[in-house]
Amino acid sequence: MDRLYGTLFTFGENVYLAPFLMPSTDRLKVMRPGLHLGTMKKGRFEPSHSLALFLRKEDVKNSHDYPSDSKEIKDFTSGLSLTASLDNGWYLILTDGCSLGWAKSDGRRLKNHYPKGLRINYAD
């Protein structure tokens, strides 16, 4: 992938990617010192929502695209899991080709990893 290059570094459990030409932030307080790629949890990598929004379908191995007016997108943005027979692993969820967030498949369901603060409570 041509767009994802720079200097990788960790800040606690968080993994960031900073541009090669980024000046030193050693004596500065910064909120996010680059693109937040994800977090290391219990020896495994968990991708961030920022990374999901940065990536495109052609950048990832696993993705699943739904029409923007589908029940699945409404459920996903509400924080619900989706039913899907897919291989195990992380999936970039897209709507009409645009990145929306992450879901993790167990082979039968896609567990939602859409941020809680962005979820929509649809009044039915």
PDB file of N, CA and C in Angstrom:
ATOM      1  N   MET A   1       0.844  -1.166   0.000  1.00  0.00           N
ATOM      2  CA  MET A   1       0.000   0.000   0.000  1.00  0.00           C
ATOM      3  C   MET A   1       0.894   1.235   0.000  1.00  0.00           C
ATOM      4  N   ASP A   2       0.685   2.098  -0.928  1.00  0.00           N
ATOM      5  CA  ASP A   2       1.533   3.277  -1.097  1.00  0.00           C
ATOM      6  C   ASP A   2       1.239   4.385  -0.099  1.00  0.00           C
ATOM      7  N   ARG A   3       0.033   4.455   0.408  1.00  0.00           N
ATOM      8  CA  ARG A   3      -0.356   5.584   1.249  1.00  0.00           C
ATOM      9  C   ARG A   3       0.030   5.412   2.711  1.00  0.00           C
ATOM     10  N   LEU A   4       0.304   4.210   3.141  1.00  0.00           N
ATOM     11  CA  LEU A   4       0.562   3.939   4.548  1.00  0.00           C
ATOM     12  C   LEU A   4       2.064   3.770   4.768  1.00  0.00           C
ATOM     13  N   TYR A   5       2.773   4.888   4.842  1.00  0.00           N
ATOM     14  CA  TYR A   5       4.206   4.826   5.081  1.00  0.00           C
ATOM     15  C   TYR A   5       4.592   5.944   6.038  1.00  0.00           C
ATOM     16  N   GLY A   6       5.672   5.741   6.739  1.00  0.00           N
ATOM     17  CA  GLY A   6       6.134   6.704   7.720  1.00  0.00           C
ATOM     18  C   GLY A   6       6.889   5.987   8.819  1.00  0.00           C
ATOM     19  N   THR A   7       6.934   6.594   9.981  1.00  0.00           N
ATOM     20  CA  THR A   7       7.635   6.039  11.126  1.00  0.00           C
ATOM     21  C   THR A   7       6.623   5.466  12.103  1.00  0.00           C
ATOM     22  N   LEU A   8       6.748   4.181  12.383  1.00  0.00           N
ATOM     23  CA  LEU A   8       5.894   3.529  13.371  1.00  0.00           C
ATOM     24  C   LEU A   8       6.448   3.767  14.759  1.00  0.00           C
ATOM     25  N   PHE A   9       5.573   4.087  15.706  1.00  0.00           N
ATOM     26  CA  PHE A   9       6.015   4.176  17.087  1.00  0.00           C
ATOM     27  C   PHE A   9       4.848   3.906  18.024  1.00  0.00           C
ATOM     28  N   THR A  10       5.196   3.559  19.252  1.00  0.00           N
ATOM     29  CA  THR A  10       4.168   3.254  20.248  1.00  0.00           C
ATOM     30  C   THR A  10       4.146   4.354  21.299  1.00  0.00           C
ATOM     31  N   PHE A  11       2.984   4.520  21.852  1.00  0.00           N
ATOM     32  CA  PHE A  11       2.755   5.471  22.931  1.00  0.00           C
ATOM     33  C   PHE A  11       1.913   4.706  23.928  1.00  0.00           C
ATOM     34  N   GLY A  12       2.549   4.063  24.902  1.00  0.00           N
ATOM     35  CA  GLY A  12       1.845   3.131  25.766  1.00  0.00           C
ATOM     36  C   GLY A  12       1.486   1.894  24.958  1.00  0.00           C
ATOM     37  N   GLU A  13       0.204   1.516  24.964  1.00  0.00           N
ATOM     38  CA  GLU A  13      -0.269   0.367  24.184  1.00  0.00           C
ATOM     39  C   GLU A  13      -0.705   0.767  22.778  1.00  0.00           C
ATOM     40  N   ASN A  14      -0.722   2.066  22.485  1.00  0.00           N
ATOM     41  CA  ASN A  14      -1.197   2.565  21.196  1.00  0.00           C
ATOM     42  C   ASN A  14      -0.082   2.609  20.167  1.00  0.00           C
ATOM     43  N   VAL A  15      -0.433   2.257  18.928  1.00  0.00           N
ATOM     44  CA  VAL A  15       0.522   2.253  17.824  1.00  0.00           C
ATOM     45  C   VAL A  15       0.120   3.366  16.852  1.00  0.00           C
ATOM     46  N   TYR A  16       1.090   4.205  16.500  1.00  0.00           N
ATOM     47  CA  TYR A  16       0.860   5.346  15.618  1.00  0.00           C
ATOM     48  C   TYR A  16       1.784   5.273  14.409  1.00  0.00           C
ATOM     49  N   LEU A  17       1.391   5.995  13.376  1.00  0.00           N
ATOM     50  CA  LEU A  17       2.208   6.157  12.191  1.00  0.00           C
ATOM     51  C   LEU A  17       2.361   7.652  11.951  1.00  0.00           C
ATOM     52  N   ALA A  18       3.593   8.135  11.983  1.00  0.00           N
ATOM     53  CA  ALA A  18       3.872   9.547  11.746  1.00  0.00           C
ATOM     54  C   ALA A  18       4.584   9.687  10.409  1.00  0.00           C
ATOM     55  N   PRO A  19       4.360  10.790   9.708  1.00  0.00           N
ATOM     56  CA  PRO A  19       5.080  11.014   8.445  1.00  0.00           C
ATOM     57  C   PRO A  19       6.595  11.071   8.692  1.00  0.00           C
ATOM     58  N   PHE A  20       7.381  10.642   7.697  1.00  0.00           N
ATOM     59  CA  PHE A  20       8.833  10.655   7.834  1.00  0.00           C
ATOM     60  C   PHE A  20       9.354  12.052   8.154  1.00  0.00           C
ATOM     61  N   LEU A  21       8.755  13.088   7.589  1.00  0.00           N
ATOM     62  CA  LEU A  21       9.249  14.447   7.750  1.00  0.00           C
ATOM     63  C   LEU A  21       8.654  15.181   8.950  1.00  0.00           C
ATOM     64  N   MET A  22       7.943  14.476   9.817  1.00  0.00           N
ATOM     65  CA  MET A  22       7.335  15.118  10.981  1.00  0.00           C
ATOM     66  C   MET A  22       8.419  15.583  11.950  1.00  0.00           C
ATOM     67  N   PRO A  23       8.348  16.846  12.404  1.00  0.00           N
ATOM     68  CA  PRO A  23       9.346  17.314  13.369  1.00  0.00           C
ATOM     69  C   PRO A  23       9.178  16.610  14.711  1.00  0.00           C
ATOM     70  N   SER A  24      10.194  16.654  15.521  1.00  0.00           N
ATOM     71  CA  SER A  24      10.173  16.012  16.831  1.00  0.00           C
ATOM     72  C   SER A  24       9.107  16.644  17.723  1.00  0.00           C
ATOM     73  N   THR A  25       8.424  15.801  18.476  1.00  0.00           N
ATOM     74  CA  THR A  25       7.419  16.275  19.431  1.00  0.00           C
ATOM     75  C   THR A  25       7.881  16.012  20.861  1.00  0.00           C
ATOM     76  N   ASP A  26       9.179  15.811  21.057  1.00  0.00           N
ATOM     77  CA  ASP A  26       9.725  15.444  22.368  1.00  0.00           C
ATOM     78  C   ASP A  26       9.340  16.411  23.478  1.00  0.00           C
ATOM     79  N   ARG A  27       9.312  17.697  23.210  1.00  0.00           N
ATOM     80  CA  ARG A  27       9.035  18.679  24.259  1.00  0.00           C
ATOM     81  C   ARG A  27       7.638  19.290  24.123  1.00  0.00           C
ATOM     82  N   LEU A  28       6.788  18.653  23.338  1.00  0.00           N
ATOM     83  CA  LEU A  28       5.427  19.152  23.132  1.00  0.00           C
ATOM     84  C   LEU A  28       4.416  18.173  23.696  1.00  0.00           C
ATOM     85  N   LYS A  29       3.272  18.704  24.075  1.00  0.00           N
ATOM     86  CA  LYS A  29       2.149  17.843  24.437  1.00  0.00           C
ATOM     87  C   LYS A  29       1.248  17.779  23.211  1.00  0.00           C
ATOM     88  N   VAL A  30       1.070  16.571  22.708  1.00  0.00           N
ATOM     89  CA  VAL A  30       0.229  16.391  21.521  1.00  0.00           C
ATOM     90  C   VAL A  30      -0.873  15.385  21.839  1.00  0.00           C
ATOM     91  N   MET A  31      -2.045  15.605  21.244  1.00  0.00           N
ATOM     92  CA  MET A  31      -3.157  14.684  21.468  1.00  0.00           C
ATOM     93  C   MET A  31      -2.936  13.372  20.726  1.00  0.00           C
ATOM     94  N   ARG A  32      -2.578  13.487  19.444  1.00  0.00           N
ATOM     95  CA  ARG A  32      -2.356  12.301  18.626  1.00  0.00           C
ATOM     96  C   ARG A  32      -1.135  12.555  17.745  1.00  0.00           C
ATOM     97  N   PRO A  33      -0.060  11.870  18.028  1.00  0.00           N
ATOM     98  CA  PRO A  33       1.186  12.133  17.305  1.00  0.00           C
ATOM     99  C   PRO A  33       1.276  11.405  15.967  1.00  0.00           C
ATOM    100  N   GLY A  34       0.209  11.359  15.224  1.00  0.00           N
ATOM    101  CA  GLY A  34       0.173  10.690  13.927  1.00  0.00           C
ATOM    102  C   GLY A  34      -1.137   9.953  13.762  1.00  0.00           C
ATOM    103  N   LEU A  35      -1.196   9.096  12.759  1.00  0.00           N
ATOM    104  CA  LEU A  35      -2.396   8.288  12.508  1.00  0.00           C
ATOM    105  C   LEU A  35      -2.436   7.144  13.519  1.00  0.00           C
ATOM    106  N   HIS A  36      -3.526   7.075  14.285  1.00  0.00           N
ATOM    107  CA  HIS A  36      -3.673   6.009  15.272  1.00  0.00           C
ATOM    108  C   HIS A  36      -4.021   4.718  14.525  1.00  0.00           C
ATOM    109  N   LEU A  37      -3.097   3.762  14.525  1.00  0.00           N
ATOM    110  CA  LEU A  37      -3.301   2.507  13.816  1.00  0.00           C
ATOM    111  C   LEU A  37      -4.085   1.505  14.647  1.00  0.00           C
ATOM    112  N   GLY A  38      -3.869   1.517  15.953  1.00  0.00           N
ATOM    113  CA  GLY A  38      -4.576   0.569  16.805  1.00  0.00           C
ATOM    114  C   GLY A  38      -3.904   0.428  18.152  1.00  0.00           C
ATOM    115  N   THR A  39      -4.324  -0.601  18.863  1.00  0.00           N
ATOM    116  CA  THR A  39      -3.868  -0.836  20.229  1.00  0.00           C
ATOM    117  C   THR A  39      -3.400  -2.278  20.375  1.00  0.00           C
ATOM    118  N   MET A  40      -2.348  -2.466  21.126  1.00  0.00           N
ATOM    119  CA  MET A  40      -1.874  -3.804  21.462  1.00  0.00           C
ATOM    120  C   MET A  40      -2.601  -4.236  22.732  1.00  0.00           C
ATOM    121  N   LYS A  41      -3.379  -5.307  22.645  1.00  0.00           N
ATOM    122  CA  LYS A  41      -4.128  -5.823  23.791  1.00  0.00           C
ATOM    123  C   LYS A  41      -3.835  -7.303  23.947  1.00  0.00           C
ATOM    124  N   LYS A  42      -3.278  -7.667  25.079  1.00  0.00           N
ATOM    125  CA  LYS A  42      -2.998  -9.063  25.405  1.00  0.00           C
ATOM    126  C   LYS A  42      -2.209  -9.765  24.299  1.00  0.00           C
ATOM    127  N   GLY A  43      -1.223  -9.084  23.747  1.00  0.00           N
ATOM    128  CA  GLY A  43      -0.363  -9.682  22.740  1.00  0.00           C
ATOM    129  C   GLY A  43      -0.942  -9.715  21.333  1.00  0.00           C
ATOM    130  N   ARG A  44      -2.066  -9.055  21.117  1.00  0.00           N
ATOM    131  CA  ARG A  44      -2.652  -9.010  19.768  1.00  0.00           C
ATOM    132  C   ARG A  44      -2.927  -7.559  19.396  1.00  0.00           C
ATOM    133  N   PHE A  45      -3.033  -7.305  18.114  1.00  0.00           N
ATOM    134  CA  PHE A  45      -3.277  -5.962  17.603  1.00  0.00           C
ATOM    135  C   PHE A  45      -4.764  -5.774  17.320  1.00  0.00           C
ATOM    136  N   GLU A  46      -5.327  -4.681  17.828  1.00  0.00           N
ATOM    137  CA  GLU A  46      -6.727  -4.348  17.580  1.00  0.00           C
ATOM    138  C   GLU A  46      -6.758  -3.034  16.795  1.00  0.00           C
ATOM    139  N   PRO A  47      -7.222  -3.063  15.527  1.00  0.00           N
ATOM    140  CA  PRO A  47      -7.177  -1.860  14.693  1.00  0.00           C
ATOM    141  C   PRO A  47      -8.099  -0.756  15.197  1.00  0.00           C
ATOM    142  N   SER A  48      -7.721   0.489  14.927  1.00  0.00           N
ATOM    143  CA  SER A  48      -8.491   1.643  15.396  1.00  0.00           C
ATOM    144  C   SER A  48      -9.516   2.078  14.353  1.00  0.00           C
ATOM    145  N   HIS A  49     -10.477   2.842  14.824  1.00  0.00           N
ATOM    146  CA  HIS A  49     -11.490   3.414  13.939  1.00  0.00           C
ATOM    147  C   HIS A  49     -10.836   4.404  12.965  1.00  0.00           C
ATOM    148  N   SER A  50      -9.838   5.133  13.428  1.00  0.00           N
ATOM    149  CA  SER A  50      -9.106   6.071  12.562  1.00  0.00           C
ATOM    150  C   SER A  50      -8.504   5.349  11.362  1.00  0.00           C
ATOM    151  N   LEU A  51      -7.933   4.188  11.621  1.00  0.00           N
ATOM    152  CA  LEU A  51      -7.340   3.397  10.541  1.00  0.00           C
ATOM    153  C   LEU A  51      -8.420   2.940   9.564  1.00  0.00           C
ATOM    154  N   ALA A  52      -9.563   2.518  10.090  1.00  0.00           N
ATOM    155  CA  ALA A  52     -10.667   2.076   9.226  1.00  0.00           C
ATOM    156  C   ALA A  52     -11.074   3.187   8.269  1.00  0.00           C
ATOM    157  N   LEU A  53     -11.187   4.413   8.774  1.00  0.00           N
ATOM    158  CA  LEU A  53     -11.610   5.526   7.931  1.00  0.00           C
ATOM    159  C   LEU A  53     -10.543   5.921   6.920  1.00  0.00           C
ATOM    160  N   PHE A  54      -9.292   5.651   7.235  1.00  0.00           N
ATOM    161  CA  PHE A  54      -8.185   5.959   6.329  1.00  0.00           C
ATOM    162  C   PHE A  54      -8.104   4.964   5.169  1.00  0.00           C
ATOM    163  N   LEU A  55      -8.450   3.712   5.445  1.00  0.00           N
ATOM    164  CA  LEU A  55      -8.274   2.639   4.464  1.00  0.00           C
ATOM    165  C   LEU A  55      -9.402   2.588   3.431  1.00  0.00           C
ATOM    166  N   ARG A  56      -9.070   1.976   2.304  1.00  0.00           N
ATOM    167  CA  ARG A  56     -10.041   1.715   1.241  1.00  0.00           C
ATOM    168  C   ARG A  56     -10.146   0.203   1.052  1.00  0.00           C
ATOM    169  N   LYS A  57     -11.152  -0.217   0.332  1.00  0.00           N
ATOM    170  CA  LYS A  57     -11.386  -1.646   0.108  1.00  0.00           C
ATOM    171  C   LYS A  57     -10.140  -2.342  -0.446  1.00  0.00           C
ATOM    172  N   GLU A  58      -9.465  -1.705  -1.388  1.00  0.00           N
ATOM    173  CA  GLU A  58      -8.301  -2.334  -2.018  1.00  0.00           C
ATOM    174  C   GLU A  58      -7.085  -2.389  -1.093  1.00  0.00           C
ATOM    175  N   ASP A  59      -7.147  -1.727   0.050  1.00  0.00           N
ATOM    176  CA  ASP A  59      -6.038  -1.729   1.002  1.00  0.00           C
ATOM    177  C   ASP A  59      -6.072  -2.908   1.969  1.00  0.00           C
ATOM    178  N   VAL A  60      -7.192  -3.612   2.055  1.00  0.00           N
ATOM    179  CA  VAL A  60      -7.350  -4.663   3.068  1.00  0.00           C
ATOM    180  C   VAL A  60      -7.637  -6.015   2.424  1.00  0.00           C
ATOM    181  N   LYS A  61      -7.354  -7.060   3.179  1.00  0.00           N
ATOM    182  CA  LYS A  61      -7.630  -8.421   2.729  1.00  0.00           C
ATOM    183  C   LYS A  61      -9.116  -8.736   2.842  1.00  0.00           C
ATOM    184  N   ASN A  62      -9.738  -8.351   3.964  1.00  0.00           N
ATOM    185  CA  ASN A  62     -11.135  -8.681   4.224  1.00  0.00           C
ATOM    186  C   ASN A  62     -11.987  -7.422   4.332  1.00  0.00           C
ATOM    187  N   SER A  63     -13.034  -7.371   3.546  1.00  0.00           N
ATOM    188  CA  SER A  63     -13.987  -6.271   3.639  1.00  0.00           C
ATOM    189  C   SER A  63     -15.363  -6.805   3.267  1.00  0.00           C
ATOM    190  N   HIS A  64     -16.373  -6.076   3.690  1.00  0.00           N
ATOM    191  CA  HIS A  64     -17.748  -6.438   3.356  1.00  0.00           C
ATOM    192  C   HIS A  64     -18.503  -5.142   3.120  1.00  0.00           C
ATOM    193  N   ASP A  65     -19.112  -5.024   1.940  1.00  0.00           N
ATOM    194  CA  ASP A  65     -19.776  -3.795   1.519  1.00  0.00           C
ATOM    195  C   ASP A  65     -21.289  -3.981   1.532  1.00  0.00           C
ATOM    196  N   TYR A  66     -21.985  -3.020   2.101  1.00  0.00           N
ATOM    197  CA  TYR A  66     -23.446  -3.029   2.152  1.00  0.00           C
ATOM    198  C   TYR A  66     -23.973  -1.742   1.523  1.00  0.00           C
ATOM    199  N   PRO A  67     -25.150  -1.796   0.907  1.00  0.00           N
ATOM    200  CA  PRO A  67     -25.768  -0.556   0.406  1.00  0.00           C
ATOM    201  C   PRO A  67     -26.097   0.382   1.569  1.00  0.00           C
ATOM    202  N   SER A  68     -25.996   1.680   1.355  1.00  0.00           N
ATOM    203  CA  SER A  68     -26.204   2.649   2.435  1.00  0.00           C
ATOM    204  C   SER A  68     -27.622   2.632   2.995  1.00  0.00           C
ATOM    205  N   ASP A  69     -28.592   2.163   2.215  1.00  0.00           N
ATOM    206  CA  ASP A  69     -29.978   2.131   2.692  1.00  0.00           C
ATOM    207  C   ASP A  69     -30.375   0.758   3.232  1.00  0.00           C
ATOM    208  N   SER A  70     -29.388  -0.106   3.490  1.00  0.00           N
ATOM    209  CA  SER A  70     -29.691  -1.467   3.933  1.00  0.00           C
ATOM    210  C   SER A  70     -29.934  -1.527   5.442  1.00  0.00           C
ATOM    211  N   LYS A  71     -30.641  -2.567   5.845  1.00  0.00           N
ATOM    212  CA  LYS A  71     -30.887  -2.828   7.268  1.00  0.00           C
ATOM    213  C   LYS A  71     -29.566  -3.094   7.983  1.00  0.00           C
ATOM    214  N   GLU A  72     -28.611  -3.740   7.303  1.00  0.00           N
ATOM    215  CA  GLU A  72     -27.317  -4.061   7.913  1.00  0.00           C
ATOM    216  C   GLU A  72     -26.557  -2.793   8.315  1.00  0.00           C
ATOM    217  N   ILE A  73     -26.588  -1.771   7.495  1.00  0.00           N
ATOM    218  CA  ILE A  73     -25.887  -0.525   7.832  1.00  0.00           C
ATOM    219  C   ILE A  73     -26.589   0.174   8.985  1.00  0.00           C
ATOM    220  N   LYS A  74     -27.898   0.137   8.992  1.00  0.00           N
ATOM    221  CA  LYS A  74     -28.642   0.717  10.111  1.00  0.00           C
ATOM    222  C   LYS A  74     -28.295  -0.025  11.403  1.00  0.00           C
ATOM    223  N   ASP A  75     -28.242  -1.350  11.336  1.00  0.00           N
ATOM    224  CA  ASP A  75     -27.873  -2.152  12.504  1.00  0.00           C
ATOM    225  C   ASP A  75     -26.428  -1.878  12.924  1.00  0.00           C
ATOM    226  N   PHE A  76     -25.526  -1.801  11.951  1.00  0.00           N
ATOM    227  CA  PHE A  76     -24.110  -1.581  12.255  1.00  0.00           C
ATOM    228  C   PHE A  76     -23.898  -0.232  12.938  1.00  0.00           C
ATOM    229  N   THR A  77     -24.505   0.820  12.412  1.00  0.00           N
ATOM    230  CA  THR A  77     -24.330   2.140  13.010  1.00  0.00           C
ATOM    231  C   THR A  77     -25.084   2.277  14.331  1.00  0.00           C
ATOM    232  N   SER A  78     -25.933   1.309  14.639  1.00  0.00           N
ATOM    233  CA  SER A  78     -26.607   1.259  15.945  1.00  0.00           C
ATOM    234  C   SER A  78     -25.792   0.471  16.969  1.00  0.00           C
ATOM    235  N   GLY A  79     -24.772  -0.237  16.499  1.00  0.00           N
ATOM    236  CA  GLY A  79     -23.932  -1.015  17.401  1.00  0.00           C
ATOM    237  C   GLY A  79     -24.273  -2.482  17.470  1.00  0.00           C
ATOM    238  N   LEU A  80     -25.165  -2.947  16.604  1.00  0.00           N
ATOM    239  CA  LEU A  80     -25.570  -4.354  16.627  1.00  0.00           C
ATOM    240  C   LEU A  80     -24.611  -5.218  15.816  1.00  0.00           C
ATOM    241  N   SER A  81     -24.544  -6.501  16.161  1.00  0.00           N
ATOM    242  CA  SER A  81     -23.777  -7.463  15.375  1.00  0.00           C
ATOM    243  C   SER A  81     -24.558  -7.808  14.119  1.00  0.00           C
ATOM    244  N   LEU A  82     -23.834  -8.277  13.098  1.00  0.00           N
ATOM    245  CA  LEU A  82     -24.456  -8.640  11.828  1.00  0.00           C
ATOM    246  C   LEU A  82     -24.273 -10.130  11.583  1.00  0.00           C
ATOM    247  N   THR A  83     -25.235 -10.742  10.936  1.00  0.00           N
ATOM    248  CA  THR A  83     -25.127 -12.148  10.552  1.00  0.00           C
ATOM    249  C   THR A  83     -24.441 -12.218   9.193  1.00  0.00           C
ATOM    250  N   ALA A  84     -23.371 -12.999   9.116  1.00  0.00           N
ATOM    251  CA  ALA A  84     -22.646 -13.155   7.855  1.00  0.00           C
ATOM    252  C   ALA A  84     -21.754 -14.385   7.947  1.00  0.00           C
ATOM    253  N   SER A  85     -21.834 -15.249   6.964  1.00  0.00           N
ATOM    254  CA  SER A  85     -20.976 -16.435   6.895  1.00  0.00           C
ATOM    255  C   SER A  85     -19.687 -16.056   6.183  1.00  0.00           C
ATOM    256  N   LEU A  86     -18.694 -15.652   6.958  1.00  0.00           N
ATOM    257  CA  LEU A  86     -17.412 -15.204   6.421  1.00  0.00           C
ATOM    258  C   LEU A  86     -16.288 -15.900   7.185  1.00  0.00           C
ATOM    259  N   ASP A  87     -15.100 -15.876   6.620  1.00  0.00           N
ATOM    260  CA  ASP A  87     -13.934 -16.415   7.318  1.00  0.00           C
ATOM    261  C   ASP A  87     -13.693 -15.622   8.597  1.00  0.00           C
ATOM    262  N   ASN A  88     -13.037 -16.257   9.562  1.00  0.00           N
ATOM    263  CA  ASN A  88     -12.699 -15.572  10.811  1.00  0.00           C
ATOM    264  C   ASN A  88     -11.723 -14.435  10.542  1.00  0.00           C
ATOM    265  N   GLY A  89     -11.830 -13.363  11.347  1.00  0.00           N
ATOM    266  CA  GLY A  89     -10.883 -12.259  11.255  1.00  0.00           C
ATOM    267  C   GLY A  89     -11.565 -10.909  11.217  1.00  0.00           C
ATOM    268  N   TRP A  90     -10.739  -9.877  11.089  1.00  0.00           N
ATOM    269  CA  TRP A  90     -11.213  -8.501  11.031  1.00  0.00           C
ATOM    270  C   TRP A  90     -11.706  -8.163   9.633  1.00  0.00           C
ATOM    271  N   TYR A  91     -12.803  -7.428   9.555  1.00  0.00           N
ATOM    272  CA  TYR A  91     -13.383  -6.985   8.291  1.00  0.00           C
ATOM    273  C   TYR A  91     -13.596  -5.483   8.313  1.00  0.00           C
ATOM    274  N   LEU A  92     -13.208  -4.839   7.236  1.00  0.00           N
ATOM    275  CA  LEU A  92     -13.514  -3.436   7.050  1.00  0.00           C
ATOM    276  C   LEU A  92     -14.939  -3.369   6.498  1.00  0.00           C
ATOM    277  N   ILE A  93     -15.828  -2.727   7.230  1.00  0.00           N
ATOM    278  CA  ILE A  93     -17.212  -2.596   6.791  1.00  0.00           C
ATOM    279  C   ILE A  93     -17.314  -1.329   5.954  1.00  0.00           C
ATOM    280  N   LEU A  94     -17.900  -1.489   4.777  1.00  0.00           N
ATOM    281  CA  LEU A  94     -18.065  -0.367   3.863  1.00  0.00           C
ATOM    282  C   LEU A  94     -19.543  -0.176   3.544  1.00  0.00           C
ATOM    283  N   THR A  95     -19.884   1.036   3.185  1.00  0.00           N
ATOM    284  CA  THR A  95     -21.217   1.304   2.688  1.00  0.00           C
ATOM    285  C   THR A  95     -21.071   2.044   1.369  1.00  0.00           C
ATOM    286  N   ASP A  96     -21.600   1.459   0.319  1.00  0.00           N
ATOM    287  CA  ASP A  96     -21.462   1.999  -1.040  1.00  0.00           C
ATOM    288  C   ASP A  96     -20.009   2.330  -1.371  1.00  0.00           C
ATOM    289  N   GLY A  97     -19.085   1.478  -0.904  1.00  0.00           N
ATOM    290  CA  GLY A  97     -17.668   1.631  -1.203  1.00  0.00           C
ATOM    291  C   GLY A  97     -16.894   2.528  -0.258  1.00  0.00           C
ATOM    292  N   CYS A  98     -17.558   3.174   0.693  1.00  0.00           N
ATOM    293  CA  CYS A  98     -16.888   4.070   1.645  1.00  0.00           C
ATOM    294  C   CYS A  98     -16.680   3.362   2.981  1.00  0.00           C
ATOM    295  N   SER A  99     -15.487   3.487   3.531  1.00  0.00           N
ATOM    296  CA  SER A  99     -15.159   2.848   4.813  1.00  0.00           C
ATOM    297  C   SER A  99     -16.019   3.402   5.932  1.00  0.00           C
ATOM    298  N   LEU A 100     -16.487   2.492   6.780  1.00  0.00           N
ATOM    299  CA  LEU A 100     -17.359   2.884   7.882  1.00  0.00           C
ATOM    300  C   LEU A 100     -16.799   2.475   9.247  1.00  0.00           C
ATOM    301  N   GLY A 101     -16.159   1.311   9.330  1.00  0.00           N
ATOM    302  CA  GLY A 101     -15.614   0.849  10.599  1.00  0.00           C
ATOM    303  C   GLY A 101     -15.221  -0.608  10.526  1.00  0.00           C
ATOM    304  N   TRP A 102     -14.895  -1.181  11.690  1.00  0.00           N
ATOM    305  CA  TRP A 102     -14.427  -2.555  11.793  1.00  0.00           C
ATOM    306  C   TRP A 102     -15.487  -3.476  12.387  1.00  0.00           C
ATOM    307  N   ALA A 103     -15.425  -4.729  11.977  1.00  0.00           N
ATOM    308  CA  ALA A 103     -16.193  -5.800  12.602  1.00  0.00           C
ATOM    309  C   ALA A 103     -15.295  -7.035  12.599  1.00  0.00           C
ATOM    310  N   LYS A 104     -15.482  -7.898  13.589  1.00  0.00           N
ATOM    311  CA  LYS A 104     -14.661  -9.106  13.685  1.00  0.00           C
ATOM    312  C   LYS A 104     -15.562 -10.320  13.515  1.00  0.00           C
ATOM    313  N   SER A 105     -15.198 -11.172  12.566  1.00  0.00           N
ATOM    314  CA  SER A 105     -16.006 -12.348  12.257  1.00  0.00           C
ATOM    315  C   SER A 105     -15.551 -13.560  13.049  1.00  0.00           C
ATOM    316  N   ASP A 106     -16.543 -14.333  13.506  1.00  0.00           N
ATOM    317  CA  ASP A 106     -16.263 -15.624  14.133  1.00  0.00           C
ATOM    318  C   ASP A 106     -16.683 -16.755  13.195  1.00  0.00           C
ATOM    319  N   GLY A 107     -17.005 -16.402  11.955  1.00  0.00           N
ATOM    320  CA  GLY A 107     -17.447 -17.379  10.968  1.00  0.00           C
ATOM    321  C   GLY A 107     -18.947 -17.345  10.733  1.00  0.00           C
ATOM    322  N   ARG A 108     -19.693 -16.869  11.733  1.00  0.00           N
ATOM    323  CA  ARG A 108     -21.153 -16.799  11.613  1.00  0.00           C
ATOM    324  C   ARG A 108     -21.690 -15.382  11.796  1.00  0.00           C
ATOM    325  N   ARG A 109     -20.996 -14.609  12.623  1.00  0.00           N
ATOM    326  CA  ARG A 109     -21.467 -13.260  12.934  1.00  0.00           C
ATOM    327  C   ARG A 109     -20.305 -12.277  12.828  1.00  0.00           C
ATOM    328  N   LEU A 110     -20.653 -11.039  12.532  1.00  0.00           N
ATOM    329  CA  LEU A 110     -19.688  -9.956  12.550  1.00  0.00           C
ATOM    330  C   LEU A 110     -19.919  -9.156  13.831  1.00  0.00           C
ATOM    331  N   LYS A 111     -18.977  -9.263  14.775  1.00  0.00           N
ATOM    332  CA  LYS A 111     -19.092  -8.510  16.014  1.00  0.00           C
ATOM    333  C   LYS A 111     -18.718  -7.059  15.736  1.00  0.00           C
ATOM    334  N   ASN A 112     -19.594  -6.176  16.113  1.00  0.00           N
ATOM    335  CA  ASN A 112     -19.473  -4.766  15.818  1.00  0.00           C
ATOM    336  C   ASN A 112     -18.371  -4.101  16.652  1.00  0.00           C
ATOM    337  N   HIS A 113     -17.511  -3.317  16.001  1.00  0.00           N
ATOM    338  CA  HIS A 113     -16.494  -2.528  16.681  1.00  0.00           C
ATOM    339  C   HIS A 113     -16.633  -1.051  16.326  1.00  0.00           C
ATOM    340  N   TYR A 114     -17.842  -0.642  15.948  1.00  0.00           N
ATOM    341  CA  TYR A 114     -18.132   0.762  15.665  1.00  0.00           C
ATOM    342  C   TYR A 114     -18.093   1.516  16.996  1.00  0.00           C
ATOM    343  N   PRO A 115     -17.420   2.663  17.076  1.00  0.00           N
ATOM    344  CA  PRO A 115     -17.273   3.363  18.356  1.00  0.00           C
ATOM    345  C   PRO A 115     -18.621   3.717  19.003  1.00  0.00           C
ATOM    346  N   LYS A 116     -18.706   3.491  20.289  1.00  0.00           N
ATOM    347  CA  LYS A 116     -19.953   3.746  21.022  1.00  0.00           C
ATOM    348  C   LYS A 116     -20.414   5.196  20.893  1.00  0.00           C
ATOM    349  N   GLY A 117     -19.488   6.131  20.888  1.00  0.00           N
ATOM    350  CA  GLY A 117     -19.834   7.542  20.798  1.00  0.00           C
ATOM    351  C   GLY A 117     -20.411   7.955  19.455  1.00  0.00           C
ATOM    352  N   LEU A 118     -20.263   7.123  18.440  1.00  0.00           N
ATOM    353  CA  LEU A 118     -20.790   7.434  17.105  1.00  0.00           C
ATOM    354  C   LEU A 118     -22.071   6.690  16.780  1.00  0.00           C
ATOM    355  N   ARG A 119     -22.456   5.794  17.633  1.00  0.00           N
ATOM    356  CA  ARG A 119     -23.647   4.973  17.352  1.00  0.00           C
ATOM    357  C   ARG A 119     -24.919   5.815  17.319  1.00  0.00           C
ATOM    358  N   ILE A 120     -25.827   5.387  16.461  1.00  0.00           N
ATOM    359  CA  ILE A 120     -27.081   6.102  16.249  1.00  0.00           C
ATOM    360  C   ILE A 120     -28.203   5.314  16.885  1.00  0.00           C
ATOM    361  N   ASN A 121     -29.024   5.989  17.661  1.00  0.00           N
ATOM    362  CA  ASN A 121     -30.209   5.363  18.260  1.00  0.00           C
ATOM    363  C   ASN A 121     -31.400   5.713  17.373  1.00  0.00           C
ATOM    364  N   TYR A 122     -31.736   4.806  16.480  1.00  0.00           N
ATOM    365  CA  TYR A 122     -32.849   5.037  15.568  1.00  0.00           C
ATOM    366  C   TYR A 122     -34.167   4.843  16.307  1.00  0.00           C
ATOM    367  N   ALA A 123     -35.036   5.806  16.218  1.00  0.00           N
ATOM    368  CA  ALA A 123     -36.387   5.661  16.822  1.00  0.00           C
ATOM    369  C   ALA A 123     -37.277   4.994  15.795  1.00  0.00           C
ATOM    370  N   ASP A 124     -37.740   3.781  16.117  1.00  0.00           N
ATOM    371  CA  ASP A 124     -38.583   3.042  15.176  1.00  0.00           C
ATOM    372  C   ASP A 124     -40.038   3.381  15.343  1.00  0.00           C
TER     373      ASP A 124
END
